[in-house]
Amino acid sequence: MADAAAVIRRQRGRPKAAEDKTEQNTVQSLDRAIGLLKLLAEAPGMTLSELAAASDQAAATVYRALVTLQGHGIVEIEEPGQLWHVGPGAFRIGSAFLRRSDVAERARGPMAELMQATGETVALAVETEAGVLYVAQVETRQPIRAFFPPGAQGPLHASAAGKALLAWSDEDRVRERLAQLGQPKFTSLTITSESTLLRELSRSRDKGFAVEDQEGAEGMRGVAAPIFDSAGAPVAALSVSGPAFRLSLTDLTRFGQAVRAAADRVTAATGGAVR
């Protein structure tokens, strides 16, 4: 009976020997390969020597990892400049993340309509361990614009989407997340005080949307609203962002109502509970 109970308590998806041995069970070569993939994801292309230097690995080791990843289409090489890039295989694997929910699919229409109505870039973001992850965007046709390619990350405390996700979360959880991630300063307007941010989040709930005024990047503003699941928890956020010279604080308030209405439409379309 004791053995049976131990089996029941063991976390599914893990062998018995793996319990409480996370570091011992990592595969070093796989860990290094994933590190290389992350480096490539943040660059327009890198040479073998650049990857070796950035990852602090021998060029031969890096090359073997790249060739292995290349065999699965996860990376590819641009022959003229011998530059390595993320490959289509990585996109196919990454897109599985979106299949966990139909939020991105349901948000397409409202996002396109928001872009047409506001003339600014509209993005869809979710919360991750590292902060905010942008999973979709509809770009404005303006030559100077906000840009959130799928896979781009942002700070929870200094982005419109992140503040929208925090504003409708339990305060204890917000404090926990801020303790984990901190509130690093990106501009002179970044909110680096926990108490000040909590007051700002309270105001966001009262208004129905969150505003970011050049807190994550100089000269950029945004407004966002949450999308809720069936339990009323925020699972994603819709945002409208653009350059401050074109998007005034008055515009943010005006657009906020439209963003919230669009987010509520997505919530309803996915069976969520609007709060």
C-alpha atoms as a PDB file:
ATOM      1  CA  MET A   1       0.000   0.000   0.000  1.00  0.00           C
ATOM      2  CA  ALA A   2       2.828   2.398   0.824  1.00  0.00           C
ATOM      3  CA  ASP A   3       4.403   1.800  -2.584  1.00  0.00           C
ATOM      4  CA  ALA A   4       1.072   2.422  -4.299  1.00  0.00           C
ATOM      5  CA  ALA A   5       0.618   5.682  -2.402  1.00  0.00           C
ATOM      6  CA  ALA A   6       4.089   6.813  -3.429  1.00  0.00           C
ATOM      7  CA  VAL A   7       3.222   6.143  -7.061  1.00  0.00           C
ATOM      8  CA  ILE A   8       0.044   8.195  -6.749  1.00  0.00           C
ATOM      9  CA  ARG A   9       1.870  11.113  -5.139  1.00  0.00           C
ATOM     10  CA  ARG A  10       4.612  11.145  -7.766  1.00  0.00           C
ATOM     11  CA  GLN A  11       4.163  13.923 -10.322  1.00  0.00           C
ATOM     12  CA  ARG A  12       2.916  12.662 -13.632  1.00  0.00           C
ATOM     13  CA  GLY A  13       5.311  12.876 -16.548  1.00  0.00           C
ATOM     14  CA  ARG A  14       8.414  12.234 -14.416  1.00  0.00           C
ATOM     15  CA  PRO A  15      10.229   8.990 -13.569  1.00  0.00           C
ATOM     16  CA  LYS A  16      10.476   8.081  -9.898  1.00  0.00           C
ATOM     17  CA  ALA A  17      14.208   8.845  -9.772  1.00  0.00           C
ATOM     18  CA  ALA A  18      13.661  12.382 -11.068  1.00  0.00           C
ATOM     19  CA  GLU A  19      11.872  13.666  -7.980  1.00  0.00           C
ATOM     20  CA  ASP A  20      13.649  16.667  -6.418  1.00  0.00           C
ATOM     21  CA  LYS A  21      16.712  16.255  -8.670  1.00  0.00           C
ATOM     22  CA  THR A  22      16.151  18.967 -11.266  1.00  0.00           C
ATOM     23  CA  GLU A  23      19.784  19.955 -11.645  1.00  0.00           C
ATOM     24  CA  GLN A  24      20.979  16.355 -11.797  1.00  0.00           C
ATOM     25  CA  ASN A  25      18.461  15.516 -14.508  1.00  0.00           C
ATOM     26  CA  THR A  26      19.323  18.302 -16.963  1.00  0.00           C
ATOM     27  CA  VAL A  27      21.043  17.234 -20.173  1.00  0.00           C
ATOM     28  CA  GLN A  28      24.021  19.555 -20.556  1.00  0.00           C
ATOM     29  CA  SER A  29      24.262  19.316 -24.336  1.00  0.00           C
ATOM     30  CA  LEU A  30      20.547  20.007 -24.701  1.00  0.00           C
ATOM     31  CA  ASP A  31      20.763  22.903 -22.292  1.00  0.00           C
ATOM     32  CA  ARG A  32      23.588  24.426 -24.330  1.00  0.00           C
ATOM     33  CA  ALA A  33      21.729  23.901 -27.611  1.00  0.00           C
ATOM     34  CA  ILE A  34      18.666  25.668 -26.253  1.00  0.00           C
ATOM     35  CA  GLY A  35      20.927  28.507 -25.133  1.00  0.00           C
ATOM     36  CA  LEU A  36      22.218  28.832 -28.701  1.00  0.00           C
ATOM     37  CA  LEU A  37      18.664  28.892 -30.017  1.00  0.00           C
ATOM     38  CA  LYS A  38      17.795  31.713 -27.617  1.00  0.00           C
ATOM     39  CA  LEU A  39      20.804  33.708 -28.822  1.00  0.00           C
ATOM     40  CA  LEU A  40      19.726  33.267 -32.441  1.00  0.00           C
ATOM     41  CA  ALA A  41      16.169  34.309 -31.594  1.00  0.00           C
ATOM     42  CA  GLU A  42      17.440  37.678 -30.373  1.00  0.00           C
ATOM     43  CA  ALA A  43      19.688  38.436 -33.370  1.00  0.00           C
ATOM     44  CA  PRO A  44      19.201  38.978 -37.122  1.00  0.00           C
ATOM     45  CA  GLY A  45      21.818  36.289 -37.750  1.00  0.00           C
ATOM     46  CA  MET A  46      25.073  35.194 -36.103  1.00  0.00           C
ATOM     47  CA  THR A  47      28.288  33.579 -37.331  1.00  0.00           C
ATOM     48  CA  LEU A  48      29.751  30.476 -35.727  1.00  0.00           C
ATOM     49  CA  SER A  49      32.481  32.507 -34.038  1.00  0.00           C
ATOM     50  CA  GLU A  50      29.947  35.020 -32.701  1.00  0.00           C
ATOM     51  CA  LEU A  51      27.815  32.237 -31.247  1.00  0.00           C
ATOM     52  CA  ALA A  52      30.854  30.576 -29.696  1.00  0.00           C
ATOM     53  CA  ALA A  53      31.914  33.838 -28.055  1.00  0.00           C
ATOM     54  CA  ALA A  54      28.410  34.750 -26.871  1.00  0.00           C
ATOM     55  CA  SER A  55      27.791  31.301 -25.396  1.00  0.00           C
ATOM     56  CA  ASP A  56      31.331  30.858 -24.048  1.00  0.00           C
ATOM     57  CA  GLN A  57      31.694  27.501 -25.801  1.00  0.00           C
ATOM     58  CA  ALA A  58      34.237  26.048 -28.183  1.00  0.00           C
ATOM     59  CA  ALA A  59      33.439  26.605 -31.851  1.00  0.00           C
ATOM     60  CA  ALA A  60      33.531  22.856 -32.531  1.00  0.00           C
ATOM     61  CA  THR A  61      30.987  22.213 -29.763  1.00  0.00           C
ATOM     62  CA  VAL A  62      28.705  24.961 -31.052  1.00  0.00           C
ATOM     63  CA  TYR A  63      28.990  23.653 -34.605  1.00  0.00           C
ATOM     64  CA  ARG A  64      27.926  20.143 -33.599  1.00  0.00           C
ATOM     65  CA  ALA A  65      24.889  21.529 -31.796  1.00  0.00           C
ATOM     66  CA  LEU A  66      23.960  23.706 -34.773  1.00  0.00           C
ATOM     67  CA  VAL A  67      24.240  20.834 -37.235  1.00  0.00           C
ATOM     68  CA  THR A  68      22.017  18.721 -34.989  1.00  0.00           C
ATOM     69  CA  LEU A  69      19.416  21.494 -34.790  1.00  0.00           C
ATOM     70  CA  GLN A  70      19.743  22.078 -38.528  1.00  0.00           C
ATOM     71  CA  GLY A  71      18.838  18.450 -39.179  1.00  0.00           C
ATOM     72  CA  HIS A  72      15.450  19.140 -37.587  1.00  0.00           C
ATOM     73  CA  GLY A  73      14.972  22.466 -39.360  1.00  0.00           C
ATOM     74  CA  ILE A  74      15.202  24.333 -36.064  1.00  0.00           C
ATOM     75  CA  VAL A  75      18.099  26.462 -37.329  1.00  0.00           C
ATOM     76  CA  GLU A  76      19.345  27.198 -40.819  1.00  0.00           C
ATOM     77  CA  ILE A  77      22.429  28.802 -42.353  1.00  0.00           C
ATOM     78  CA  GLU A  78      22.580  31.644 -44.852  1.00  0.00           C
ATOM     79  CA  GLU A  79      25.463  30.582 -47.063  1.00  0.00           C
ATOM     80  CA  PRO A  80      26.693  33.941 -48.497  1.00  0.00           C
ATOM     81  CA  GLY A  81      27.512  35.316 -45.057  1.00  0.00           C
ATOM     82  CA  GLN A  82      27.698  32.046 -43.133  1.00  0.00           C
ATOM     83  CA  LEU A  83      25.065  33.433 -40.775  1.00  0.00           C
ATOM     84  CA  TRP A  84      22.973  31.102 -38.655  1.00  0.00           C
ATOM     85  CA  HIS A  85      19.270  31.870 -38.144  1.00  0.00           C
ATOM     86  CA  VAL A  86      16.267  30.351 -36.396  1.00  0.00           C
ATOM     87  CA  GLY A  87      14.643  27.936 -38.850  1.00  0.00           C
ATOM     88  CA  PRO A  88      11.030  27.093 -39.766  1.00  0.00           C
ATOM     89  CA  GLY A  89      11.130  24.005 -37.549  1.00  0.00           C
ATOM     90  CA  ALA A  90      11.375  26.244 -34.500  1.00  0.00           C
ATOM     91  CA  PHE A  91       8.275  28.135 -35.625  1.00  0.00           C
ATOM     92  CA  ARG A  92       6.302  24.931 -36.074  1.00  0.00           C
ATOM     93  CA  ILE A  93       7.267  23.765 -32.589  1.00  0.00           C
ATOM     94  CA  GLY A  94       6.629  27.168 -31.043  1.00  0.00           C
ATOM     95  CA  SER A  95       3.219  27.494 -32.680  1.00  0.00           C
ATOM     96  CA  ALA A  96       2.069  24.532 -30.591  1.00  0.00           C
ATOM     97  CA  PHE A  97       1.976  26.981 -27.679  1.00  0.00           C
ATOM     98  CA  LEU A  98      -0.865  28.848 -29.378  1.00  0.00           C
ATOM     99  CA  ARG A  99      -2.815  25.651 -29.915  1.00  0.00           C
ATOM    100  CA  ARG A 100      -3.222  25.319 -26.147  1.00  0.00           C
ATOM    101  CA  SER A 101      -5.909  27.975 -26.450  1.00  0.00           C
ATOM    102  CA  ASP A 102      -7.928  29.531 -29.225  1.00  0.00           C
ATOM    103  CA  VAL A 103      -7.463  33.035 -27.791  1.00  0.00           C
ATOM    104  CA  ALA A 104      -5.052  34.044 -30.576  1.00  0.00           C
ATOM    105  CA  GLU A 105      -7.423  32.802 -33.269  1.00  0.00           C
ATOM    106  CA  ARG A 106     -10.458  34.458 -31.722  1.00  0.00           C
ATOM    107  CA  ALA A 107      -8.540  37.720 -31.256  1.00  0.00           C
ATOM    108  CA  ARG A 108      -7.634  38.159 -34.938  1.00  0.00           C
ATOM    109  CA  GLY A 109     -10.800  39.965 -35.970  1.00  0.00           C
ATOM    110  CA  PRO A 110     -10.993  42.341 -32.996  1.00  0.00           C
ATOM    111  CA  MET A 111      -7.266  43.098 -33.356  1.00  0.00           C
ATOM    112  CA  ALA A 112      -7.624  44.024 -37.029  1.00  0.00           C
ATOM    113  CA  GLU A 113     -10.603  46.229 -36.231  1.00  0.00           C
ATOM    114  CA  LEU A 114      -8.703  47.942 -33.408  1.00  0.00           C
ATOM    115  CA  MET A 115      -5.793  48.717 -35.714  1.00  0.00           C
ATOM    116  CA  GLN A 116      -8.154  50.259 -38.258  1.00  0.00           C
ATOM    117  CA  ALA A 117      -9.957  52.287 -35.578  1.00  0.00           C
ATOM    118  CA  THR A 118      -6.847  53.586 -33.797  1.00  0.00           C
ATOM    119  CA  GLY A 119      -4.275  53.635 -36.584  1.00  0.00           C
ATOM    120  CA  GLU A 120      -1.727  52.074 -34.225  1.00  0.00           C
ATOM    121  CA  THR A 121      -0.169  48.631 -33.716  1.00  0.00           C
ATOM    122  CA  VAL A 122      -2.298  46.125 -31.817  1.00  0.00           C
ATOM    123  CA  ALA A 123      -0.701  43.210 -29.942  1.00  0.00           C
ATOM    124  CA  LEU A 124      -1.804  40.145 -28.006  1.00  0.00           C
ATOM    125  CA  ALA A 125       0.309  39.104 -25.018  1.00  0.00           C
ATOM    126  CA  VAL A 126       0.322  36.430 -22.330  1.00  0.00           C
ATOM    127  CA  GLU A 127       2.168  36.214 -19.018  1.00  0.00           C
ATOM    128  CA  THR A 128       5.174  33.915 -18.665  1.00  0.00           C
ATOM    129  CA  GLU A 129       7.713  33.272 -15.928  1.00  0.00           C
ATOM    130  CA  ALA A 130       9.957  35.960 -17.413  1.00  0.00           C
ATOM    131  CA  GLY A 131       7.290  38.646 -17.836  1.00  0.00           C
ATOM    132  CA  VAL A 132       5.159  39.243 -20.925  1.00  0.00           C
ATOM    133  CA  LEU A 133       5.291  37.259 -24.165  1.00  0.00           C
ATOM    134  CA  TYR A 134       3.778  38.725 -27.336  1.00  0.00           C
ATOM    135  CA  VAL A 135       2.086  36.022 -29.407  1.00  0.00           C
ATOM    136  CA  ALA A 136       0.441  38.056 -32.178  1.00  0.00           C
ATOM    137  CA  GLN A 137       0.285  41.556 -33.595  1.00  0.00           C
ATOM    138  CA  VAL A 138      -1.446  43.604 -36.279  1.00  0.00           C
ATOM    139  CA  GLU A 139       0.917  46.347 -37.426  1.00  0.00           C
ATOM    140  CA  THR A 140      -0.122  49.822 -38.396  1.00  0.00           C
ATOM    141  CA  ARG A 141       0.903  51.092 -41.809  1.00  0.00           C
ATOM    142  CA  GLN A 142       2.556  54.146 -40.254  1.00  0.00           C
ATOM    143  CA  PRO A 143       6.299  54.356 -41.037  1.00  0.00           C
ATOM    144  CA  ILE A 144       7.136  54.980 -37.364  1.00  0.00           C
ATOM    145  CA  ARG A 145       5.326  52.461 -35.195  1.00  0.00           C
ATOM    146  CA  ALA A 146       5.420  50.074 -32.268  1.00  0.00           C
ATOM    147  CA  PHE A 147       6.581  46.563 -33.191  1.00  0.00           C
ATOM    148  CA  PHE A 148       5.865  43.368 -31.225  1.00  0.00           C
ATOM    149  CA  PRO A 149       6.882  40.334 -33.311  1.00  0.00           C
ATOM    150  CA  PRO A 150       5.566  37.008 -31.990  1.00  0.00           C
ATOM    151  CA  GLY A 151       8.057  35.734 -29.446  1.00  0.00           C
ATOM    152  CA  ALA A 152       9.132  39.181 -28.283  1.00  0.00           C
ATOM    153  CA  GLN A 153       9.172  39.691 -24.533  1.00  0.00           C
ATOM    154  CA  GLY A 154       8.383  42.638 -22.326  1.00  0.00           C
ATOM    155  CA  PRO A 155       8.379  43.603 -18.637  1.00  0.00           C
ATOM    156  CA  LEU A 156       5.278  43.037 -16.524  1.00  0.00           C
ATOM    157  CA  HIS A 157       5.618  46.278 -14.572  1.00  0.00           C
ATOM    158  CA  ALA A 158       6.533  48.581 -17.464  1.00  0.00           C
ATOM    159  CA  SER A 159       4.293  47.537 -20.357  1.00  0.00           C
ATOM    160  CA  ALA A 160       0.617  48.218 -20.970  1.00  0.00           C
ATOM    161  CA  ALA A 161      -0.087  44.507 -21.481  1.00  0.00           C
ATOM    162  CA  GLY A 162       1.838  43.514 -18.365  1.00  0.00           C
ATOM    163  CA  LYS A 163       0.068  46.092 -16.214  1.00  0.00           C
ATOM    164  CA  ALA A 164      -3.310  44.921 -17.535  1.00  0.00           C
ATOM    165  CA  LEU A 165      -2.473  41.330 -16.566  1.00  0.00           C
ATOM    166  CA  LEU A 166      -1.315  42.412 -13.099  1.00  0.00           C
ATOM    167  CA  ALA A 167      -4.203  44.801 -12.440  1.00  0.00           C
ATOM    168  CA  TRP A 168      -6.803  42.035 -12.436  1.00  0.00           C
ATOM    169  CA  SER A 169      -4.668  39.550 -10.507  1.00  0.00           C
ATOM    170  CA  ASP A 170      -4.817  38.907  -6.778  1.00  0.00           C
ATOM    171  CA  GLU A 171      -2.670  41.449  -4.910  1.00  0.00           C
ATOM    172  CA  ASP A 172      -0.707  38.761  -3.091  1.00  0.00           C
ATOM    173  CA  ARG A 173       0.179  37.205  -6.425  1.00  0.00           C
ATOM    174  CA  VAL A 174       1.181  40.628  -7.801  1.00  0.00           C
ATOM    175  CA  ARG A 175       3.525  41.177  -4.865  1.00  0.00           C
ATOM    176  CA  GLU A 176       4.975  37.714  -5.393  1.00  0.00           C
ATOM    177  CA  ARG A 177       5.605  38.352  -9.090  1.00  0.00           C
ATOM    178  CA  LEU A 178       7.204  41.717  -8.411  1.00  0.00           C
ATOM    179  CA  ALA A 179       9.462  40.105  -5.814  1.00  0.00           C
ATOM    180  CA  GLN A 180      10.486  37.499  -8.382  1.00  0.00           C
ATOM    181  CA  LEU A 181      11.083  39.838 -11.315  1.00  0.00           C
ATOM    182  CA  GLY A 182      11.868  43.132  -9.631  1.00  0.00           C
ATOM    183  CA  GLN A 183      10.995  46.499 -11.135  1.00  0.00           C
ATOM    184  CA  PRO A 184      14.062  47.464 -13.157  1.00  0.00           C
ATOM    185  CA  LYS A 185      14.241  51.017 -14.446  1.00  0.00           C
ATOM    186  CA  PHE A 186      14.086  51.377 -18.238  1.00  0.00           C
ATOM    187  CA  THR A 187      13.338  55.109 -18.508  1.00  0.00           C
ATOM    188  CA  SER A 188      12.927  58.079 -16.189  1.00  0.00           C
ATOM    189  CA  LEU A 189       9.179  57.277 -16.075  1.00  0.00           C
ATOM    190  CA  THR A 190       9.432  53.594 -15.134  1.00  0.00           C
ATOM    191  CA  ILE A 191       7.542  52.846 -11.909  1.00  0.00           C
ATOM    192  CA  THR A 192      10.125  51.247  -9.627  1.00  0.00           C
ATOM    193  CA  SER A 193       8.172  51.462  -6.353  1.00  0.00           C
ATOM    194  CA  GLU A 194       5.883  48.549  -5.463  1.00  0.00           C
ATOM    195  CA  SER A 195       3.404  50.736  -3.580  1.00  0.00           C
ATOM    196  CA  THR A 196       3.211  53.241  -6.437  1.00  0.00           C
ATOM    197  CA  LEU A 197       2.610  50.467  -8.957  1.00  0.00           C
ATOM    198  CA  LEU A 198      -0.114  48.909  -6.778  1.00  0.00           C
ATOM    199  CA  ARG A 199      -1.920  52.257  -6.687  1.00  0.00           C
ATOM    200  CA  GLU A 200      -1.560  52.525 -10.455  1.00  0.00           C
ATOM    201  CA  LEU A 201      -2.999  49.032 -10.905  1.00  0.00           C
ATOM    202  CA  SER A 202      -5.966  49.951  -8.707  1.00  0.00           C
ATOM    203  CA  ARG A 203      -6.668  52.968 -10.913  1.00  0.00           C
ATOM    204  CA  SER A 204      -6.421  50.714 -13.953  1.00  0.00           C
ATOM    205  CA  ARG A 205      -9.149  48.435 -12.563  1.00  0.00           C
ATOM    206  CA  ASP A 206     -11.370  51.449 -11.939  1.00  0.00           C
ATOM    207  CA  LYS A 207     -10.922  52.633 -15.533  1.00  0.00           C
ATOM    208  CA  GLY A 208     -11.165  49.188 -17.088  1.00  0.00           C
ATOM    209  CA  PHE A 209      -7.800  49.386 -18.840  1.00  0.00           C
ATOM    210  CA  ALA A 210      -4.102  49.960 -18.110  1.00  0.00           C
ATOM    211  CA  VAL A 211      -1.908  52.728 -19.505  1.00  0.00           C
ATOM    212  CA  GLU A 212       1.849  52.795 -20.093  1.00  0.00           C
ATOM    213  CA  ASP A 213       3.433  56.212 -20.607  1.00  0.00           C
ATOM    214  CA  GLN A 214       7.009  55.782 -21.876  1.00  0.00           C
ATOM    215  CA  GLU A 215       7.803  53.434 -18.985  1.00  0.00           C
ATOM    216  CA  GLY A 216       9.282  50.609 -21.026  1.00  0.00           C
ATOM    217  CA  ALA A 217      10.849  52.657 -23.819  1.00  0.00           C
ATOM    218  CA  GLU A 218      11.403  56.365 -24.347  1.00  0.00           C
ATOM    219  CA  GLY A 219       8.887  57.892 -26.716  1.00  0.00           C
ATOM    220  CA  MET A 220       6.413  54.979 -26.713  1.00  0.00           C
ATOM    221  CA  ARG A 221       2.964  54.802 -25.112  1.00  0.00           C
ATOM    222  CA  GLY A 222       0.327  52.106 -24.884  1.00  0.00           C
ATOM    223  CA  VAL A 223      -3.016  51.058 -23.475  1.00  0.00           C
ATOM    224  CA  ALA A 224      -4.182  47.508 -22.760  1.00  0.00           C
ATOM    225  CA  ALA A 225      -7.065  45.482 -21.357  1.00  0.00           C
ATOM    226  CA  PRO A 226      -7.249  41.913 -20.066  1.00  0.00           C
ATOM    227  CA  ILE A 227      -8.870  38.830 -21.564  1.00  0.00           C
ATOM    228  CA  PHE A 228     -10.332  36.457 -18.956  1.00  0.00           C
ATOM    229  CA  ASP A 229     -10.813  32.708 -18.727  1.00  0.00           C
ATOM    230  CA  SER A 230     -13.961  30.957 -17.489  1.00  0.00           C
ATOM    231  CA  ALA A 231     -12.901  31.498 -13.869  1.00  0.00           C
ATOM    232  CA  GLY A 232     -12.443  35.240 -14.389  1.00  0.00           C
ATOM    233  CA  ALA A 233      -8.647  35.121 -14.252  1.00  0.00           C
ATOM    234  CA  PRO A 234      -6.640  37.237 -16.735  1.00  0.00           C
ATOM    235  CA  VAL A 235      -5.027  34.954 -19.324  1.00  0.00           C
ATOM    236  CA  ALA A 236      -4.011  37.447 -22.018  1.00  0.00           C
ATOM    237  CA  ALA A 237      -4.076  41.138 -22.821  1.00  0.00           C
ATOM    238  CA  LEU A 238      -4.841  43.215 -25.907  1.00  0.00           C
ATOM    239  CA  SER A 239      -2.806  46.389 -26.336  1.00  0.00           C
ATOM    240  CA  VAL A 240      -2.624  49.398 -28.633  1.00  0.00           C
ATOM    241  CA  SER A 241       0.803  51.059 -28.777  1.00  0.00           C
ATOM    242  CA  GLY A 242       2.507  53.819 -30.698  1.00  0.00           C
ATOM    243  CA  PRO A 243       4.955  56.717 -30.585  1.00  0.00           C
ATOM    244  CA  ALA A 244       4.237  59.393 -27.991  1.00  0.00           C
ATOM    245  CA  PHE A 245       4.356  62.199 -30.568  1.00  0.00           C
ATOM    246  CA  ARG A 246       1.287  60.642 -32.226  1.00  0.00           C
ATOM    247  CA  LEU A 247      -0.392  58.952 -29.246  1.00  0.00           C
ATOM    248  CA  SER A 248      -1.233  61.480 -26.542  1.00  0.00           C
ATOM    249  CA  LEU A 249      -2.399  60.684 -23.019  1.00  0.00           C
ATOM    250  CA  THR A 250      -5.859  61.842 -24.110  1.00  0.00           C
ATOM    251  CA  ASP A 251      -5.725  59.345 -26.959  1.00  0.00           C
ATOM    252  CA  LEU A 252      -4.818  56.566 -24.526  1.00  0.00           C
ATOM    253  CA  THR A 253      -7.933  57.289 -22.467  1.00  0.00           C
ATOM    254  CA  ARG A 254     -10.075  57.513 -25.589  1.00  0.00           C
ATOM    255  CA  PHE A 255      -8.688  54.309 -27.071  1.00  0.00           C
ATOM    256  CA  GLY A 256      -8.870  52.536 -23.720  1.00  0.00           C
ATOM    257  CA  GLN A 257     -12.603  52.016 -23.980  1.00  0.00           C
ATOM    258  CA  ALA A 258     -12.251  50.510 -27.454  1.00  0.00           C
ATOM    259  CA  VAL A 259      -9.438  48.221 -26.306  1.00  0.00           C
ATOM    260  CA  ARG A 260     -11.498  47.018 -23.339  1.00  0.00           C
ATOM    261  CA  ALA A 261     -14.517  46.383 -25.573  1.00  0.00           C
ATOM    262  CA  ALA A 262     -12.363  44.348 -27.979  1.00  0.00           C
ATOM    263  CA  ALA A 263     -10.810  42.367 -25.111  1.00  0.00           C
ATOM    264  CA  ASP A 264     -14.266  41.627 -23.705  1.00  0.00           C
ATOM    265  CA  ARG A 265     -15.355  40.349 -27.124  1.00  0.00           C
ATOM    266  CA  VAL A 266     -12.451  37.896 -27.130  1.00  0.00           C
ATOM    267  CA  THR A 267     -13.266  36.870 -23.563  1.00  0.00           C
ATOM    268  CA  ALA A 268     -16.853  36.124 -24.552  1.00  0.00           C
ATOM    269  CA  ALA A 269     -15.802  34.325 -27.738  1.00  0.00           C
ATOM    270  CA  THR A 270     -13.536  31.965 -25.778  1.00  0.00           C
ATOM    271  CA  GLY A 271     -16.065  31.231 -23.038  1.00  0.00           C
ATOM    272  CA  GLY A 272     -14.446  33.493 -20.484  1.00  0.00           C
ATOM    273  CA  ALA A 273     -16.127  35.482 -17.726  1.00  0.00           C
ATOM    274  CA  VAL A 274     -15.992  39.255 -18.212  1.00  0.00           C
ATOM    275  CA  ARG A 275     -15.146  41.140 -14.988  1.00  0.00           C
END
